[in-house]
Amino acid sequence: MFPEDFIDSKEVLGNVVRYFASFGEAIRDFTVEEFCQEDERDAGKSYKINDFHKMADNQERELIPLKLEPSGTLKMFALYPSLKDVLVDHGGTLFLDELNCFIMGKR
């Protein structure tokens, strides 16, 4: 679900933060934590992603698990690699169907 090198590259993480900043001021940064699965059969790595939200009434930030974000925000997170590929890296056409959820923005 995350963009390539999101876990390991500060540059990619910064690009994703700037991408979300283009929609509004809410998401200011991300943290990524690796954790072990309790199920021994699942040998793959698992990650917990949190985002820092700017509080509406002051400059403080609140840490929120990405999985608790609205569905529109999660869709935009999942679309980032495809959008970057078409709009920045290679060009082309990107078709999106049924993207009807509200996307975070200025409130």
PDB file of N, CA and C in Angstrom:
ATOM      1  N   MET A   1       0.805  -1.197   0.000  1.00  0.00           N
ATOM      2  CA  MET A   1       0.000   0.000   0.000  1.00  0.00           C
ATOM      3  C   MET A   1       0.849   1.262   0.000  1.00  0.00           C
ATOM      4  N   PHE A   2       2.095   1.205   0.493  1.00  0.00           N
ATOM      5  CA  PHE A   2       2.840   2.452   0.503  1.00  0.00           C
ATOM      6  C   PHE A   2       3.675   2.619  -0.751  1.00  0.00           C
ATOM      7  N   PRO A   3       4.050   3.873  -1.024  1.00  0.00           N
ATOM      8  CA  PRO A   3       4.902   4.157  -2.178  1.00  0.00           C
ATOM      9  C   PRO A   3       6.251   3.450  -2.040  1.00  0.00           C
ATOM     10  N   GLU A   4       6.846   3.130  -3.167  1.00  0.00           N
ATOM     11  CA  GLU A   4       8.160   2.481  -3.173  1.00  0.00           C
ATOM     12  C   GLU A   4       9.153   3.340  -2.400  1.00  0.00           C
ATOM     13  N   ASP A   5       9.930   2.733  -1.546  1.00  0.00           N
ATOM     14  CA  ASP A   5      10.955   3.372  -0.714  1.00  0.00           C
ATOM     15  C   ASP A   5      10.403   4.312   0.363  1.00  0.00           C
ATOM     16  N   PHE A   6       9.098   4.288   0.593  1.00  0.00           N
ATOM     17  CA  PHE A   6       8.496   5.142   1.623  1.00  0.00           C
ATOM     18  C   PHE A   6       9.083   4.839   2.991  1.00  0.00           C
ATOM     19  N   ILE A   7       9.340   3.570   3.248  1.00  0.00           N
ATOM     20  CA  ILE A   7       9.845   3.139   4.554  1.00  0.00           C
ATOM     21  C   ILE A   7      11.287   3.588   4.774  1.00  0.00           C
ATOM     22  N   ASP A   8      12.110   3.540   3.718  1.00  0.00           N
ATOM     23  CA  ASP A   8      13.549   3.746   3.864  1.00  0.00           C
ATOM     24  C   ASP A   8      14.065   5.108   3.421  1.00  0.00           C
ATOM     25  N   SER A   9      13.311   5.850   2.656  1.00  0.00           N
ATOM     26  CA  SER A   9      13.826   7.080   2.062  1.00  0.00           C
ATOM     27  C   SER A   9      13.142   8.318   2.627  1.00  0.00           C
ATOM     28  N   LYS A  10      13.943   9.186   3.237  1.00  0.00           N
ATOM     29  CA  LYS A  10      13.423  10.462   3.746  1.00  0.00           C
ATOM     30  C   LYS A  10      12.931  11.336   2.586  1.00  0.00           C
ATOM     31  N   GLU A  11      13.567  11.213   1.427  1.00  0.00           N
ATOM     32  CA  GLU A  11      13.154  11.997   0.263  1.00  0.00           C
ATOM     33  C   GLU A  11      11.747  11.599  -0.190  1.00  0.00           C
ATOM     34  N   VAL A  12      11.493  10.301  -0.284  1.00  0.00           N
ATOM     35  CA  VAL A  12      10.171   9.825  -0.685  1.00  0.00           C
ATOM     36  C   VAL A  12       9.131  10.230   0.357  1.00  0.00           C
ATOM     37  N   LEU A  13       9.453  10.068   1.625  1.00  0.00           N
ATOM     38  CA  LEU A  13       8.536  10.475   2.689  1.00  0.00           C
ATOM     39  C   LEU A  13       8.223  11.968   2.574  1.00  0.00           C
ATOM     40  N   GLY A  14       9.247  12.781   2.320  1.00  0.00           N
ATOM     41  CA  GLY A  14       9.039  14.220   2.143  1.00  0.00           C
ATOM     42  C   GLY A  14       8.159  14.533   0.949  1.00  0.00           C
ATOM     43  N   ASN A  15       8.333  13.789  -0.138  1.00  0.00           N
ATOM     44  CA  ASN A  15       7.489  13.980  -1.327  1.00  0.00           C
ATOM     45  C   ASN A  15       6.027  13.668  -1.016  1.00  0.00           C
ATOM     46  N   VAL A  16       5.785  12.629  -0.230  1.00  0.00           N
ATOM     47  CA  VAL A  16       4.415  12.265   0.137  1.00  0.00           C
ATOM     48  C   VAL A  16       3.815  13.345   1.041  1.00  0.00           C
ATOM     49  N   VAL A  17       4.597  13.898   1.953  1.00  0.00           N
ATOM     50  CA  VAL A  17       4.113  14.984   2.805  1.00  0.00           C
ATOM     51  C   VAL A  17       3.739  16.195   1.942  1.00  0.00           C
ATOM     52  N   ARG A  18       4.583  16.545   0.962  1.00  0.00           N
ATOM     53  CA  ARG A  18       4.269  17.670   0.066  1.00  0.00           C
ATOM     54  C   ARG A  18       3.019  17.382  -0.770  1.00  0.00           C
ATOM     55  N   TYR A  19       2.851  16.148  -1.188  1.00  0.00           N
ATOM     56  CA  TYR A  19       1.662  15.728  -1.937  1.00  0.00           C
ATOM     57  C   TYR A  19       0.409  15.995  -1.107  1.00  0.00           C
ATOM     58  N   PHE A  20       0.419  15.573   0.162  1.00  0.00           N
ATOM     59  CA  PHE A  20      -0.738  15.814   1.016  1.00  0.00           C
ATOM     60  C   PHE A  20      -0.908  17.296   1.330  1.00  0.00           C
ATOM     61  N   ALA A  21       0.186  18.040   1.402  1.00  0.00           N
ATOM     62  CA  ALA A  21       0.089  19.483   1.649  1.00  0.00           C
ATOM     63  C   ALA A  21      -0.637  20.191   0.513  1.00  0.00           C
ATOM     64  N   SER A  22      -0.618  19.605  -0.681  1.00  0.00           N
ATOM     65  CA  SER A  22      -1.319  20.230  -1.802  1.00  0.00           C
ATOM     66  C   SER A  22      -2.839  20.151  -1.633  1.00  0.00           C
ATOM     67  N   PHE A  23      -3.333  19.285  -0.754  1.00  0.00           N
ATOM     68  CA  PHE A  23      -4.768  19.161  -0.481  1.00  0.00           C
ATOM     69  C   PHE A  23      -5.205  20.019   0.697  1.00  0.00           C
ATOM     70  N   GLY A  24      -4.286  20.367   1.558  1.00  0.00           N
ATOM     71  CA  GLY A  24      -4.625  21.140   2.748  1.00  0.00           C
ATOM     72  C   GLY A  24      -3.494  21.075   3.746  1.00  0.00           C
ATOM     73  N   GLU A  25      -3.690  21.729   4.862  1.00  0.00           N
ATOM     74  CA  GLU A  25      -2.629  21.839   5.867  1.00  0.00           C
ATOM     75  C   GLU A  25      -2.672  20.770   6.936  1.00  0.00           C
ATOM     76  N   ALA A  26      -3.595  19.834   6.861  1.00  0.00           N
ATOM     77  CA  ALA A  26      -3.806  18.898   7.965  1.00  0.00           C
ATOM     78  C   ALA A  26      -2.598  17.996   8.219  1.00  0.00           C
ATOM     79  N   ILE A  27      -2.163  17.214   7.234  1.00  0.00           N
ATOM     80  CA  ILE A  27      -1.069  16.264   7.456  1.00  0.00           C
ATOM     81  C   ILE A  27       0.263  16.972   7.278  1.00  0.00           C
ATOM     82  N   ARG A  28       1.082  16.911   8.338  1.00  0.00           N
ATOM     83  CA  ARG A  28       2.367  17.607   8.352  1.00  0.00           C
ATOM     84  C   ARG A  28       3.578  16.686   8.241  1.00  0.00           C
ATOM     85  N   ASP A  29       3.416  15.408   8.605  1.00  0.00           N
ATOM     86  CA  ASP A  29       4.553  14.482   8.584  1.00  0.00           C
ATOM     87  C   ASP A  29       4.031  13.077   8.837  1.00  0.00           C
ATOM     88  N   PHE A  30       4.904  12.095   8.645  1.00  0.00           N
ATOM     89  CA  PHE A  30       4.584  10.696   8.908  1.00  0.00           C
ATOM     90  C   PHE A  30       5.679  10.081   9.758  1.00  0.00           C
ATOM     91  N   THR A  31       5.309   9.096  10.545  1.00  0.00           N
ATOM     92  CA  THR A  31       6.286   8.246  11.217  1.00  0.00           C
ATOM     93  C   THR A  31       5.996   6.814  10.787  1.00  0.00           C
ATOM     94  N   VAL A  32       7.049   6.021  10.678  1.00  0.00           N
ATOM     95  CA  VAL A  32       6.908   4.617  10.282  1.00  0.00           C
ATOM     96  C   VAL A  32       7.645   3.780  11.308  1.00  0.00           C
ATOM     97  N   GLU A  33       6.945   2.798  11.870  1.00  0.00           N
ATOM     98  CA  GLU A  33       7.541   1.892  12.846  1.00  0.00           C
ATOM     99  C   GLU A  33       7.376   0.458  12.366  1.00  0.00           C
ATOM    100  N   GLU A  34       8.463  -0.300  12.392  1.00  0.00           N
ATOM    101  CA  GLU A  34       8.385  -1.726  12.059  1.00  0.00           C
ATOM    102  C   GLU A  34       8.023  -2.483  13.329  1.00  0.00           C
ATOM    103  N   PHE A  35       7.165  -3.485  13.207  1.00  0.00           N
ATOM    104  CA  PHE A  35       6.843  -4.305  14.373  1.00  0.00           C
ATOM    105  C   PHE A  35       6.742  -5.762  13.956  1.00  0.00           C
ATOM    106  N   CYS A  36       6.902  -6.635  14.925  1.00  0.00           N
ATOM    107  CA  CYS A  36       6.858  -8.074  14.680  1.00  0.00           C
ATOM    108  C   CYS A  36       5.433  -8.583  14.820  1.00  0.00           C
ATOM    109  N   GLN A  37       5.062  -9.480  13.939  1.00  0.00           N
ATOM    110  CA  GLN A  37       3.755 -10.122  14.020  1.00  0.00           C
ATOM    111  C   GLN A  37       3.789 -11.151  15.143  1.00  0.00           C
ATOM    112  N   GLU A  38       2.711 -11.275  15.853  1.00  0.00           N
ATOM    113  CA  GLU A  38       2.635 -12.289  16.904  1.00  0.00           C
ATOM    114  C   GLU A  38       2.484 -13.683  16.310  1.00  0.00           C
ATOM    115  N   ASP A  39       1.927 -13.748  15.125  1.00  0.00           N
ATOM    116  CA  ASP A  39       1.733 -15.022  14.441  1.00  0.00           C
ATOM    117  C   ASP A  39       3.055 -15.443  13.791  1.00  0.00           C
ATOM    118  N   GLU A  40       3.641 -16.538  14.233  1.00  0.00           N
ATOM    119  CA  GLU A  40       4.943 -16.977  13.730  1.00  0.00           C
ATOM    120  C   GLU A  40       4.898 -17.375  12.260  1.00  0.00           C
ATOM    121  N   ARG A  41       3.725 -17.718  11.749  1.00  0.00           N
ATOM    122  CA  ARG A  41       3.608 -18.112  10.343  1.00  0.00           C
ATOM    123  C   ARG A  41       3.812 -16.930   9.411  1.00  0.00           C
ATOM    124  N   ASP A  42       3.585 -15.714   9.894  1.00  0.00           N
ATOM    125  CA  ASP A  42       3.730 -14.511   9.081  1.00  0.00           C
ATOM    126  C   ASP A  42       5.139 -13.963   9.287  1.00  0.00           C
ATOM    127  N   ALA A  43       6.059 -14.330   8.392  1.00  0.00           N
ATOM    128  CA  ALA A  43       7.457 -13.936   8.544  1.00  0.00           C
ATOM    129  C   ALA A  43       7.744 -12.577   7.902  1.00  0.00           C
ATOM    130  N   GLY A  44       6.786 -12.000   7.182  1.00  0.00           N
ATOM    131  CA  GLY A  44       7.003 -10.717   6.523  1.00  0.00           C
ATOM    132  C   GLY A  44       7.056  -9.572   7.523  1.00  0.00           C
ATOM    133  N   LYS A  45       7.607  -8.458   7.067  1.00  0.00           N
ATOM    134  CA  LYS A  45       7.679  -7.277   7.917  1.00  0.00           C
ATOM    135  C   LYS A  45       6.328  -6.573   7.926  1.00  0.00           C
ATOM    136  N   SER A  46       6.011  -6.000   9.061  1.00  0.00           N
ATOM    137  CA  SER A  46       4.796  -5.217   9.194  1.00  0.00           C
ATOM    138  C   SER A  46       5.177  -3.829   9.699  1.00  0.00           C
ATOM    139  N   TYR A  47       4.389  -2.848   9.306  1.00  0.00           N
ATOM    140  CA  TYR A  47       4.690  -1.472   9.668  1.00  0.00           C
ATOM    141  C   TYR A  47       3.463  -0.777  10.211  1.00  0.00           C
ATOM    142  N   LYS A  48       3.706   0.123  11.129  1.00  0.00           N
ATOM    143  CA  LYS A  48       2.663   0.988  11.661  1.00  0.00           C
ATOM    144  C   LYS A  48       2.998   2.398  11.182  1.00  0.00           C
ATOM    145  N   ILE A  49       2.060   3.005  10.457  1.00  0.00           N
ATOM    146  CA  ILE A  49       2.275   4.352   9.934  1.00  0.00           C
ATOM    147  C   ILE A  49       1.346   5.300  10.676  1.00  0.00           C
ATOM    148  N   ASN A  50       1.919   6.373  11.185  1.00  0.00           N
ATOM    149  CA  ASN A  50       1.167   7.430  11.839  1.00  0.00           C
ATOM    150  C   ASN A  50       1.402   8.724  11.077  1.00  0.00           C
ATOM    151  N   ASP A  51       0.443   9.620  11.158  1.00  0.00           N
ATOM    152  CA  ASP A  51       0.675  10.930  10.573  1.00  0.00           C
ATOM    153  C   ASP A  51       0.465  11.998  11.622  1.00  0.00           C
ATOM    154  N   PHE A  52       1.197  13.083  11.461  1.00  0.00           N
ATOM    155  CA  PHE A  52       1.073  14.225  12.353  1.00  0.00           C
ATOM    156  C   PHE A  52       0.104  15.207  11.726  1.00  0.00           C
ATOM    157  N   HIS A  53      -0.949  15.544  12.464  1.00  0.00           N
ATOM    158  CA  HIS A  53      -1.934  16.523  12.019  1.00  0.00           C
ATOM    159  C   HIS A  53      -1.701  17.841  12.735  1.00  0.00           C
ATOM    160  N   LYS A  54      -1.785  18.904  11.990  1.00  0.00           N
ATOM    161  CA  LYS A  54      -1.758  20.234  12.582  1.00  0.00           C
ATOM    162  C   LYS A  54      -3.113  20.472  13.231  1.00  0.00           C
ATOM    163  N   MET A  55      -3.095  20.920  14.459  1.00  0.00           N
ATOM    164  CA  MET A  55      -4.333  21.226  15.168  1.00  0.00           C
ATOM    165  C   MET A  55      -4.934  22.502  14.588  1.00  0.00           C
ATOM    166  N   ALA A  56      -6.229  22.538  14.484  1.00  0.00           N
ATOM    167  CA  ALA A  56      -6.917  23.657  13.836  1.00  0.00           C
ATOM    168  C   ALA A  56      -6.754  24.973  14.594  1.00  0.00           C
ATOM    169  N   ASP A  57      -6.707  24.911  15.915  1.00  0.00           N
ATOM    170  CA  ASP A  57      -6.706  26.141  16.695  1.00  0.00           C
ATOM    171  C   ASP A  57      -5.339  26.609  17.186  1.00  0.00           C
ATOM    172  N   ASN A  58      -4.275  25.847  16.880  1.00  0.00           N
ATOM    173  CA  ASN A  58      -2.935  26.270  17.294  1.00  0.00           C
ATOM    174  C   ASN A  58      -1.891  25.574  16.426  1.00  0.00           C
ATOM    175  N   GLN A  59      -0.639  25.723  16.743  1.00  0.00           N
ATOM    176  CA  GLN A  59       0.442  25.146  15.949  1.00  0.00           C
ATOM    177  C   GLN A  59       0.872  23.757  16.420  1.00  0.00           C
ATOM    178  N   GLU A  60       0.205  23.217  17.424  1.00  0.00           N
ATOM    179  CA  GLU A  60       0.558  21.894  17.922  1.00  0.00           C
ATOM    180  C   GLU A  60       0.166  20.820  16.912  1.00  0.00           C
ATOM    181  N   ARG A  61       0.814  19.644  17.046  1.00  0.00           N
ATOM    182  CA  ARG A  61       0.512  18.534  16.149  1.00  0.00           C
ATOM    183  C   ARG A  61       0.040  17.342  16.958  1.00  0.00           C
ATOM    184  N   GLU A  62      -0.847  16.573  16.353  1.00  0.00           N
ATOM    185  CA  GLU A  62      -1.379  15.373  16.996  1.00  0.00           C
ATOM    186  C   GLU A  62      -1.015  14.162  16.143  1.00  0.00           C
ATOM    187  N   LEU A  63      -0.566  13.093  16.789  1.00  0.00           N
ATOM    188  CA  LEU A  63      -0.199  11.863  16.099  1.00  0.00           C
ATOM    189  C   LEU A  63      -1.435  10.983  15.936  1.00  0.00           C
ATOM    190  N   ILE A  64      -1.740  10.598  14.687  1.00  0.00           N
ATOM    191  CA  ILE A  64      -2.925   9.787  14.394  1.00  0.00           C
ATOM    192  C   ILE A  64      -2.495   8.583  13.555  1.00  0.00           C
ATOM    193  N   PRO A  65      -2.915   7.371  13.920  1.00  0.00           N
ATOM    194  CA  PRO A  65      -2.606   6.206  13.075  1.00  0.00           C
ATOM    195  C   PRO A  65      -3.236   6.373  11.686  1.00  0.00           C
ATOM    196  N   LEU A  66      -2.470   6.101  10.647  1.00  0.00           N
ATOM    197  CA  LEU A  66      -2.959   6.255   9.281  1.00  0.00           C
ATOM    198  C   LEU A  66      -4.220   5.437   9.048  1.00  0.00           C
ATOM    199  N   LYS A  67      -4.304   4.261   9.675  1.00  0.00           N
ATOM    200  CA  LYS A  67      -5.471   3.393   9.460  1.00  0.00           C
ATOM    201  C   LYS A  67      -6.763   4.017   9.987  1.00  0.00           C
ATOM    202  N   LEU A  68      -6.665   5.058  10.816  1.00  0.00           N
ATOM    203  CA  LEU A  68      -7.851   5.730  11.339  1.00  0.00           C
ATOM    204  C   LEU A  68      -8.270   6.937  10.499  1.00  0.00           C
ATOM    205  N   GLU A  69      -7.515   7.211   9.442  1.00  0.00           N
ATOM    206  CA  GLU A  69      -7.852   8.332   8.563  1.00  0.00           C
ATOM    207  C   GLU A  69      -9.115   8.009   7.766  1.00  0.00           C
ATOM    208  N   PRO A  70      -9.811   9.043   7.294  1.00  0.00           N
ATOM    209  CA  PRO A  70     -10.992   8.810   6.457  1.00  0.00           C
ATOM    210  C   PRO A  70     -10.633   8.060   5.177  1.00  0.00           C
ATOM    211  N   SER A  71     -11.618   7.396   4.593  1.00  0.00           N
ATOM    212  CA  SER A  71     -11.359   6.580   3.399  1.00  0.00           C
ATOM    213  C   SER A  71     -10.811   7.397   2.234  1.00  0.00           C
ATOM    214  N   GLY A  72     -11.218   8.643   2.106  1.00  0.00           N
ATOM    215  CA  GLY A  72     -10.698   9.487   1.020  1.00  0.00           C
ATOM    216  C   GLY A  72      -9.203   9.724   1.164  1.00  0.00           C
ATOM    217  N   THR A  73      -8.746   9.957   2.386  1.00  0.00           N
ATOM    218  CA  THR A  73      -7.318  10.152   2.643  1.00  0.00           C
ATOM    219  C   THR A  73      -6.549   8.870   2.350  1.00  0.00           C
ATOM    220  N   LEU A  74      -7.096   7.727   2.770  1.00  0.00           N
ATOM    221  CA  LEU A  74      -6.432   6.446   2.498  1.00  0.00           C
ATOM    222  C   LEU A  74      -6.357   6.179   0.999  1.00  0.00           C
ATOM    223  N   LYS A  75      -7.406   6.541   0.266  1.00  0.00           N
ATOM    224  CA  LYS A  75      -7.368   6.373  -1.190  1.00  0.00           C
ATOM    225  C   LYS A  75      -6.291   7.242  -1.810  1.00  0.00           C
ATOM    226  N   MET A  76      -6.173   8.484  -1.351  1.00  0.00           N
ATOM    227  CA  MET A  76      -5.147   9.365  -1.912  1.00  0.00           C
ATOM    228  C   MET A  76      -3.749   8.864  -1.563  1.00  0.00           C
ATOM    229  N   PHE A  77      -3.599   8.268  -0.404  1.00  0.00           N
ATOM    230  CA  PHE A  77      -2.312   7.672  -0.033  1.00  0.00           C
ATOM    231  C   PHE A  77      -1.996   6.511  -0.974  1.00  0.00           C
ATOM    232  N   ALA A  78      -2.991   5.665  -1.225  1.00  0.00           N
ATOM    233  CA  ALA A  78      -2.791   4.513  -2.103  1.00  0.00           C
ATOM    234  C   ALA A  78      -2.575   4.935  -3.558  1.00  0.00           C
ATOM    235  N   LEU A  79      -3.153   6.057  -3.973  1.00  0.00           N
ATOM    236  CA  LEU A  79      -3.016   6.532  -5.356  1.00  0.00           C
ATOM    237  C   LEU A  79      -1.701   7.252  -5.618  1.00  0.00           C
ATOM    238  N   TYR A  80      -1.006   7.661  -4.569  1.00  0.00           N
ATOM    239  CA  TYR A  80       0.218   8.436  -4.744  1.00  0.00           C
ATOM    240  C   TYR A  80       1.193   7.824  -5.748  1.00  0.00           C
ATOM    241  N   PRO A  81       1.538   6.527  -5.657  1.00  0.00           N
ATOM    242  CA  PRO A  81       2.510   5.975  -6.611  1.00  0.00           C
ATOM    243  C   PRO A  81       2.046   6.105  -8.065  1.00  0.00           C
ATOM    244  N   SER A  82       0.790   5.851  -8.333  1.00  0.00           N
ATOM    245  CA  SER A  82       0.280   5.946  -9.702  1.00  0.00           C
ATOM    246  C   SER A  82       0.259   7.394 -10.183  1.00  0.00           C
ATOM    247  N   LEU A  83      -0.181   8.297  -9.333  1.00  0.00           N
ATOM    248  CA  LEU A  83      -0.214   9.709  -9.704  1.00  0.00           C
ATOM    249  C   LEU A  83       1.185  10.243  -9.965  1.00  0.00           C
ATOM    250  N   LYS A  84       2.133   9.882  -9.128  1.00  0.00           N
ATOM    251  CA  LYS A  84       3.516  10.326  -9.312  1.00  0.00           C
ATOM    252  C   LYS A  84       4.078   9.780 -10.615  1.00  0.00           C
ATOM    253  N   ASP A  85       3.798   8.517 -10.894  1.00  0.00           N
ATOM    254  CA  ASP A  85       4.289   7.905 -12.125  1.00  0.00           C
ATOM    255  C   ASP A  85       3.780   8.649 -13.361  1.00  0.00           C
ATOM    256  N   VAL A  86       2.504   8.989 -13.365  1.00  0.00           N
ATOM    257  CA  VAL A  86       1.903   9.654 -14.531  1.00  0.00           C
ATOM    258  C   VAL A  86       2.233  11.142 -14.570  1.00  0.00           C
ATOM    259  N   LEU A  87       2.117  11.831 -13.454  1.00  0.00           N
ATOM    260  CA  LEU A  87       2.269  13.284 -13.449  1.00  0.00           C
ATOM    261  C   LEU A  87       3.711  13.765 -13.373  1.00  0.00           C
ATOM    262  N   VAL A  88       4.596  12.972 -12.782  1.00  0.00           N
ATOM    263  CA  VAL A  88       5.967  13.419 -12.564  1.00  0.00           C
ATOM    264  C   VAL A  88       6.989  12.612 -13.363  1.00  0.00           C
ATOM    265  N   ASP A  89       6.896  11.298 -13.281  1.00  0.00           N
ATOM    266  CA  ASP A  89       7.966  10.457 -13.813  1.00  0.00           C
ATOM    267  C   ASP A  89       7.880  10.174 -15.309  1.00  0.00           C
ATOM    268  N   HIS A  90       6.751   9.668 -15.776  1.00  0.00           N
ATOM    269  CA  HIS A  90       6.697   9.145 -17.136  1.00  0.00           C
ATOM    270  C   HIS A  90       5.625   9.756 -18.022  1.00  0.00           C
ATOM    271  N   GLY A  91       4.664  10.419 -17.454  1.00  0.00           N
ATOM    272  CA  GLY A  91       3.559  10.939 -18.248  1.00  0.00           C
ATOM    273  C   GLY A  91       2.590   9.820 -18.581  1.00  0.00           C
ATOM    274  N   GLY A  92       1.591  10.123 -19.366  1.00  0.00           N
ATOM    275  CA  GLY A  92       0.623   9.120 -19.756  1.00  0.00           C
ATOM    276  C   GLY A  92      -0.760   9.503 -19.288  1.00  0.00           C
ATOM    277  N   THR A  93      -1.622   8.530 -19.264  1.00  0.00           N
ATOM    278  CA  THR A  93      -3.014   8.733 -18.873  1.00  0.00           C
ATOM    279  C   THR A  93      -3.340   7.825 -17.704  1.00  0.00           C
ATOM    280  N   LEU A  94      -4.031   8.360 -16.748  1.00  0.00           N
ATOM    281  CA  LEU A  94      -4.445   7.594 -15.583  1.00  0.00           C
ATOM    282  C   LEU A  94      -5.961   7.684 -15.490  1.00  0.00           C
ATOM    283  N   PHE A  95      -6.613   6.554 -15.506  1.00  0.00           N
ATOM    284  CA  PHE A  95      -8.064   6.508 -15.374  1.00  0.00           C
ATOM    285  C   PHE A  95      -8.418   6.133 -13.946  1.00  0.00           C
ATOM    286  N   LEU A  96      -9.288   6.928 -13.339  1.00  0.00           N
ATOM    287  CA  LEU A  96      -9.767   6.660 -11.993  1.00  0.00           C
ATOM    288  C   LEU A  96     -11.269   6.510 -12.060  1.00  0.00           C
ATOM    289  N   ASP A  97     -11.776   5.466 -11.449  1.00  0.00           N
ATOM    290  CA  ASP A  97     -13.206   5.210 -11.468  1.00  0.00           C
ATOM    291  C   ASP A  97     -13.720   5.143 -10.036  1.00  0.00           C
ATOM    292  N   GLU A  98     -14.849   5.732  -9.804  1.00  0.00           N
ATOM    293  CA  GLU A  98     -15.533   5.677  -8.521  1.00  0.00           C
ATOM    294  C   GLU A  98     -14.702   6.243  -7.375  1.00  0.00           C
ATOM    295  N   LEU A  99     -14.051   7.339  -7.637  1.00  0.00           N
ATOM    296  CA  LEU A  99     -13.319   8.045  -6.588  1.00  0.00           C
ATOM    297  C   LEU A  99     -14.272   9.098  -6.030  1.00  0.00           C
ATOM    298  N   ASN A 100     -15.243   8.631  -5.262  1.00  0.00           N
ATOM    299  CA  ASN A 100     -16.315   9.510  -4.839  1.00  0.00           C
ATOM    300  C   ASN A 100     -16.287   9.860  -3.350  1.00  0.00           C
ATOM    301  N   CYS A 101     -15.229   9.514  -2.658  1.00  0.00           N
ATOM    302  CA  CYS A 101     -15.136   9.865  -1.243  1.00  0.00           C
ATOM    303  C   CYS A 101     -14.590  11.275  -1.104  1.00  0.00           C
ATOM    304  N   PHE A 102     -14.980  11.928  -0.046  1.00  0.00           N
ATOM    305  CA  PHE A 102     -14.426  13.256   0.216  1.00  0.00           C
ATOM    306  C   PHE A 102     -12.957  13.118   0.583  1.00  0.00           C
ATOM    307  N   ILE A 103     -12.183  14.029   0.077  1.00  0.00           N
ATOM    308  CA  ILE A 103     -10.754  14.057   0.355  1.00  0.00           C
ATOM    309  C   ILE A 103     -10.511  15.180   1.342  1.00  0.00           C
ATOM    310  N   MET A 104      -9.604  14.936   2.295  1.00  0.00           N
ATOM    311  CA  MET A 104      -9.335  15.950   3.308  1.00  0.00           C
ATOM    312  C   MET A 104      -8.962  17.267   2.649  1.00  0.00           C
ATOM    313  N   GLY A 105      -9.238  18.304   3.309  1.00  0.00           N
ATOM    314  CA  GLY A 105      -8.910  19.622   2.779  1.00  0.00           C
ATOM    315  C   GLY A 105      -8.974  20.649   3.876  1.00  0.00           C
ATOM    316  N   LYS A 106      -8.952  21.884   3.493  1.00  0.00           N
ATOM    317  CA  LYS A 106      -9.031  22.955   4.476  1.00  0.00           C
ATOM    318  C   LYS A 106     -10.433  22.966   5.071  1.00  0.00           C
ATOM    319  N   ARG A 107     -10.500  23.142   6.338  1.00  0.00           N
ATOM    320  CA  ARG A 107     -11.804  23.133   7.022  1.00  0.00           C
ATOM    321  C   ARG A 107     -12.088  24.471   7.606  1.00  0.00           C
TER     322      ARG A 107
END
